[in-house]
Amino acid sequence: MERQKRRVADPQLQEDPESSQVEGDSGSQLDVLAKAHEFFQVCDVEGKGFITRHDMQRLHGELPLVPEELEKVFDTLDADGNGSLTLEEFTTGFSQFLSGRKEPFTEVCETGFHPKPKENIAAGNEEEDQFSNLMEQLGAENILKDENDVKKLWLHLKKHEPHLLSNFEEFLTKIFSQLHKADDEKNSLECALQNKMSAYDDEIQYLYEEMEQQIKTEKEKVLLEGAERFQSRQQELEQKLVEKEKEFEQLSQKQKI
């Protein structure tokens, strides 16, 4: 009995209700900040590091807020009025907004965030297939190295402004048609230039071979003419030698007489 009294009276063994409340509030605040950070990532799909009023509308359907309410939330969070929110501005202000709503935070997150995930995944896969088929029909893989910018705009129009999607696809069709035409013309010019260069190389090779042949012919001609002159000179000298021998012989005979 005395042990029980001492245990109850011992302040170290008693549960501090204020401490428990602080710990609970701290944990709830961390959850709020974590979810606010998650919401920011939903808005900043491009990874810019900040979000605009337009980006904020991506939370429509993720939270129980209508577009007008989302705009009011953005205006409230945009204290400096520069039209954009950094991660710090968003998480700090939006967590305060969530904490001040009448609905419990867990209810807001559970009912508002990631609704029908399986359906969303299926819809996302279907959109991926539709976009891939469109790019394949347009032959984009031969033109575009990176389709991300076109894909982002196409997904945005499909989700937020579907009435403009057909116009955008028609625009893409015309653009890619012109790009393919320009690519074909470029290939034709490159082929013609290659053929011209090949013909030029053949002509240069022919002229080079012809020049070599002429040089060889001239060299042979010079050698032949030189040989003929040498032979003629040799014959001339031999003839003079014969004549000198005859003269010498005649002189010898006269001396004998």
Protein backbone atom coordinates (compact mmCIF):
# COMPACT_ATOMS: atom_id res chain seq x y z
CA MET A 1 0.00 0.00 0.00
CA GLU A 2 2.78 2.41 0.94
CA ARG A 3 4.65 1.45 -2.24
CA GLN A 4 1.61 2.41 -4.28
CA LYS A 5 1.34 5.76 -2.54
CA ARG A 6 5.03 6.47 -3.03
CA ARG A 7 4.75 5.44 -6.66
CA VAL A 8 1.82 7.82 -7.18
CA ALA A 9 3.44 10.60 -5.22
CA ASP A 10 6.79 10.24 -7.04
CA PRO A 11 6.80 13.02 -9.68
CA GLN A 12 9.26 11.06 -11.86
CA LEU A 13 6.80 8.19 -12.15
CA GLN A 14 3.74 10.34 -12.84
CA GLU A 15 2.79 10.98 -16.48
CA ASP A 16 3.13 14.64 -17.40
CA PRO A 17 0.00 15.50 -19.45
CA GLU A 18 1.56 18.70 -20.77
CA SER A 19 4.65 16.81 -21.97
CA SER A 20 2.48 14.24 -23.75
CA GLN A 21 0.51 17.01 -25.38
CA VAL A 22 3.70 18.74 -26.57
CA GLU A 23 5.01 15.50 -28.00
CA GLY A 24 1.70 14.88 -29.75
CA ASP A 25 1.59 18.40 -31.15
CA SER A 26 5.21 18.08 -32.30
CA GLY A 27 4.50 14.82 -34.09
CA SER A 28 1.39 16.28 -35.71
CA GLN A 29 3.34 19.33 -36.83
CA LEU A 30 5.99 17.11 -38.41
CA ASP A 31 3.26 15.22 -40.25
CA VAL A 32 1.82 18.50 -41.48
CA LEU A 33 5.22 19.68 -42.73
CA ALA A 34 5.86 16.33 -44.41
CA LYS A 35 2.52 16.41 -46.21
CA ALA A 36 3.01 20.05 -47.16
CA HIS A 37 6.36 19.07 -48.69
CA GLU A 38 4.61 16.23 -50.54
CA PHE A 39 1.95 18.61 -51.85
CA PHE A 40 4.71 20.95 -53.09
CA GLN A 41 6.23 18.10 -55.10
CA VAL A 42 2.81 17.40 -56.64
CA CYS A 43 2.68 21.04 -57.78
CA ASP A 44 6.32 21.29 -58.88
CA VAL A 45 6.34 18.40 -61.35
CA GLU A 46 9.03 20.13 -63.42
CA GLY A 47 11.40 20.34 -60.44
CA LYS A 48 11.82 24.14 -60.76
CA GLY A 49 12.21 24.63 -57.00
CA PHE A 50 9.22 27.00 -56.90
CA ILE A 51 5.55 26.92 -57.89
CA THR A 52 3.24 29.44 -59.55
CA ARG A 53 -0.49 30.11 -59.25
CA HIS A 54 -1.04 27.79 -62.21
CA ASP A 55 1.01 25.01 -60.58
CA MET A 56 -1.16 25.31 -57.47
CA GLN A 57 -4.18 24.10 -59.46
CA ARG A 58 -2.59 20.64 -59.62
CA LEU A 59 -3.86 20.16 -56.07
CA HIS A 60 -7.43 20.34 -57.39
CA GLY A 61 -8.74 16.84 -56.90
CA GLU A 62 -5.91 16.05 -54.49
CA LEU A 63 -7.40 18.19 -51.72
CA PRO A 64 -11.04 19.03 -50.93
CA LEU A 65 -10.57 22.53 -52.31
CA VAL A 66 -12.16 24.13 -55.36
CA PRO A 67 -9.96 26.12 -57.78
CA GLU A 68 -11.11 29.42 -56.28
CA GLU A 69 -10.07 28.26 -52.82
CA LEU A 70 -6.69 27.15 -54.15
CA GLU A 71 -6.17 30.62 -55.63
CA LYS A 72 -7.04 32.20 -52.29
CA VAL A 73 -4.61 29.86 -50.55
CA PHE A 74 -1.90 30.85 -53.04
CA ASP A 75 -2.57 34.56 -52.51
CA THR A 76 -2.40 34.03 -48.75
CA LEU A 77 0.91 32.15 -48.95
CA ASP A 78 2.41 34.60 -51.47
CA ALA A 79 3.17 37.19 -48.80
CA ASP A 80 5.73 39.10 -50.90
CA GLY A 81 3.43 39.10 -53.93
CA ASN A 82 6.07 37.96 -56.43
CA GLY A 83 3.77 35.37 -58.00
CA SER A 84 5.75 32.32 -56.90
CA LEU A 85 6.30 30.21 -53.78
CA THR A 86 9.53 28.55 -52.74
CA LEU A 87 9.52 25.24 -50.88
CA GLU A 88 10.07 27.01 -47.56
CA GLU A 89 7.31 29.55 -48.17
CA PHE A 90 4.89 26.83 -49.24
CA THR A 91 5.56 24.31 -46.45
CA THR A 92 5.50 26.96 -43.72
CA GLY A 93 2.38 28.76 -44.94
CA PHE A 94 0.45 25.74 -46.13
CA SER A 95 1.05 23.80 -42.92
CA GLN A 96 -0.38 26.77 -41.03
CA PHE A 97 -3.36 26.76 -43.38
CA LEU A 98 -3.98 23.04 -42.85
CA SER A 99 -3.61 23.41 -39.09
CA GLY A 100 -6.22 26.17 -39.10
CA ARG A 101 -8.91 24.24 -41.01
CA LYS A 102 -11.87 22.77 -39.19
CA GLU A 103 -11.36 19.32 -40.68
CA PRO A 104 -8.79 17.14 -38.91
CA PHE A 105 -5.50 17.02 -40.80
CA THR A 106 -5.63 13.23 -41.12
CA GLU A 107 -9.05 13.48 -42.75
CA VAL A 108 -7.83 16.09 -45.20
CA CYS A 109 -4.86 13.93 -46.17
CA GLU A 110 -6.74 10.65 -46.32
CA THR A 111 -9.72 11.96 -48.27
CA GLY A 112 -7.96 14.58 -50.34
CA PHE A 113 -4.55 13.18 -51.21
CA HIS A 114 -4.00 10.36 -53.73
CA PRO A 115 -7.68 9.56 -54.42
CA LYS A 116 -8.28 6.21 -56.13
CA PRO A 117 -4.60 5.38 -56.67
CA LYS A 118 -5.27 2.32 -58.83
CA GLU A 119 -7.50 4.31 -61.15
CA ASN A 120 -4.92 7.09 -61.30
CA ILE A 121 -2.19 4.60 -62.19
CA ALA A 122 -4.37 3.03 -64.90
CA ALA A 123 -5.25 6.47 -66.28
CA GLY A 124 -1.58 7.45 -66.22
CA ASN A 125 -0.60 4.32 -68.13
CA GLU A 126 -3.33 4.97 -70.68
CA GLU A 127 -2.12 8.54 -71.17
CA GLU A 128 1.45 7.28 -71.59
CA ASP A 129 0.28 4.83 -74.27
CA GLN A 130 -1.73 7.53 -76.06
CA PHE A 131 1.20 9.93 -76.10
CA SER A 132 3.62 7.21 -77.23
CA ASN A 133 1.27 6.25 -80.08
CA LEU A 134 0.98 9.90 -81.10
CA MET A 135 4.76 10.34 -81.16
CA GLU A 136 5.13 7.11 -83.13
CA GLN A 137 2.57 8.26 -85.72
CA LEU A 138 4.37 11.59 -86.05
CA GLY A 139 7.77 9.89 -86.35
CA ALA A 140 9.06 12.03 -83.49
CA GLU A 141 11.81 9.58 -82.53
CA ASN A 142 13.68 10.57 -85.71
CA ILE A 143 13.31 14.30 -84.99
CA LEU A 144 13.19 14.89 -81.23
CA LYS A 145 15.97 13.83 -78.90
CA ASP A 146 13.90 14.76 -75.83
CA GLU A 147 10.09 14.58 -75.81
CA ASN A 148 9.63 15.73 -72.20
CA ASP A 149 8.59 19.33 -72.98
CA VAL A 150 6.04 18.23 -75.59
CA LYS A 151 4.79 15.51 -73.26
CA LYS A 152 4.28 17.92 -70.34
CA LEU A 153 2.28 20.31 -72.49
CA TRP A 154 0.22 17.48 -73.99
CA LEU A 155 -0.60 16.06 -70.54
CA HIS A 156 -1.48 19.53 -69.24
CA LEU A 157 -3.91 20.15 -72.10
CA LYS A 158 -5.44 16.70 -71.78
CA LYS A 159 -6.06 17.19 -68.07
CA HIS A 160 -6.89 20.89 -67.77
CA GLU A 161 -7.86 22.11 -71.26
CA PRO A 162 -9.02 19.08 -73.28
CA HIS A 163 -10.85 21.33 -75.76
CA LEU A 164 -7.45 22.55 -76.98
CA LEU A 165 -5.87 19.10 -77.24
CA SER A 166 -7.02 18.39 -80.80
CA ASN A 167 -5.71 21.77 -81.96
CA PHE A 168 -2.37 21.05 -80.32
CA GLU A 169 -2.14 17.61 -81.93
CA GLU A 170 -3.02 19.11 -85.32
CA PHE A 171 -0.32 21.72 -84.77
CA LEU A 172 2.17 18.96 -83.92
CA THR A 173 1.19 17.08 -87.07
CA LYS A 174 1.90 20.13 -89.25
CA ILE A 175 5.15 20.93 -87.45
CA PHE A 176 6.48 17.38 -87.67
CA SER A 177 5.40 17.16 -91.32
CA GLN A 178 7.46 20.27 -92.07
CA LEU A 179 10.36 18.93 -90.02
CA HIS A 180 10.28 15.63 -91.90
CA LYS A 181 10.15 17.52 -95.20
CA ALA A 182 13.10 19.67 -94.16
CA ASP A 183 14.96 16.55 -93.02
CA ASP A 184 14.31 14.86 -96.38
CA GLU A 185 15.54 17.96 -98.23
CA LYS A 186 18.64 18.04 -96.05
CA ASN A 187 19.30 14.37 -96.79
CA SER A 188 18.82 14.98 -100.52
CA LEU A 189 21.25 17.90 -100.45
CA GLU A 190 23.77 15.87 -98.49
CA CYS A 191 23.43 13.00 -100.98
CA ALA A 192 23.85 15.36 -103.96
CA LEU A 193 26.86 16.99 -102.32
CA GLN A 194 28.36 13.58 -101.61
CA ASN A 195 27.87 12.52 -105.23
CA LYS A 196 29.41 15.78 -106.45
CA MET A 197 32.40 15.36 -104.16
CA SER A 198 32.82 11.78 -105.33
CA ALA A 199 32.74 12.88 -108.98
CA TYR A 200 35.23 15.65 -108.18
CA ASP A 201 37.55 13.14 -106.52
CA ASP A 202 37.30 10.87 -109.57
CA GLU A 203 38.13 13.79 -111.88
CA ILE A 204 41.11 14.81 -109.76
CA GLN A 205 42.35 11.21 -109.75
CA TYR A 206 42.00 11.01 -113.55
CA LEU A 207 43.90 14.27 -114.04
CA TYR A 208 46.62 13.12 -111.68
CA GLU A 209 47.04 9.81 -113.49
CA GLU A 210 47.03 11.57 -116.87
CA MET A 211 49.70 14.01 -115.68
CA GLU A 212 51.84 11.15 -114.43
CA GLN A 213 51.50 9.43 -117.80
CA GLN A 214 52.51 12.61 -119.64
CA ILE A 215 55.54 13.03 -117.41
CA LYS A 216 56.53 9.45 -118.04
CA THR A 217 56.08 9.88 -121.80
CA GLU A 218 58.11 13.08 -121.86
CA LYS A 219 60.86 11.46 -119.83
CA GLU A 220 60.99 8.51 -122.21
CA LYS A 221 61.00 10.90 -125.16
CA VAL A 222 63.89 12.87 -123.71
CA LEU A 223 65.81 9.70 -123.01
CA LEU A 224 65.14 8.42 -126.52
CA GLU A 225 66.18 11.70 -128.14
CA GLY A 226 69.29 11.78 -125.98
CA ALA A 227 70.18 8.25 -127.01
CA GLU A 228 69.67 9.08 -130.67
CA ARG A 229 71.86 12.17 -130.40
CA PHE A 230 74.50 10.16 -128.57
CA GLN A 231 74.44 7.45 -131.26
CA SER A 232 74.62 10.04 -134.03
CA ARG A 233 77.54 11.76 -132.37
CA GLN A 234 79.25 8.43 -131.86
CA GLN A 235 78.86 7.55 -135.53
CA GLU A 236 80.18 10.96 -136.51
CA LEU A 237 83.27 10.53 -134.34
CA GLU A 238 83.84 7.03 -135.68
CA GLN A 239 83.63 8.34 -139.23
CA LYS A 240 86.18 11.06 -138.49
CA LEU A 241 88.43 8.51 -136.88
CA VAL A 242 88.29 6.34 -139.99
CA GLU A 243 89.11 9.33 -142.18
CA LYS A 244 92.05 10.29 -139.98
CA GLU A 245 93.36 6.76 -140.15
CA LYS A 246 93.17 6.84 -143.94
CA GLU A 247 95.02 10.15 -144.06
CA PHE A 248 97.66 8.79 -141.73
CA GLU A 249 98.06 5.71 -143.89
CA GLN A 250 98.43 7.79 -147.04
CA LEU A 251 101.09 9.96 -145.41
CA SER A 252 102.97 6.88 -144.33
CA GLN A 253 103.00 5.50 -147.88
CA LYS A 254 104.28 8.81 -149.32
CA GLN A 255 107.13 8.88 -146.87
CA LYS A 256 108.18 5.40 -147.92
CA ILE A 257 108.37 6.48 -151.57
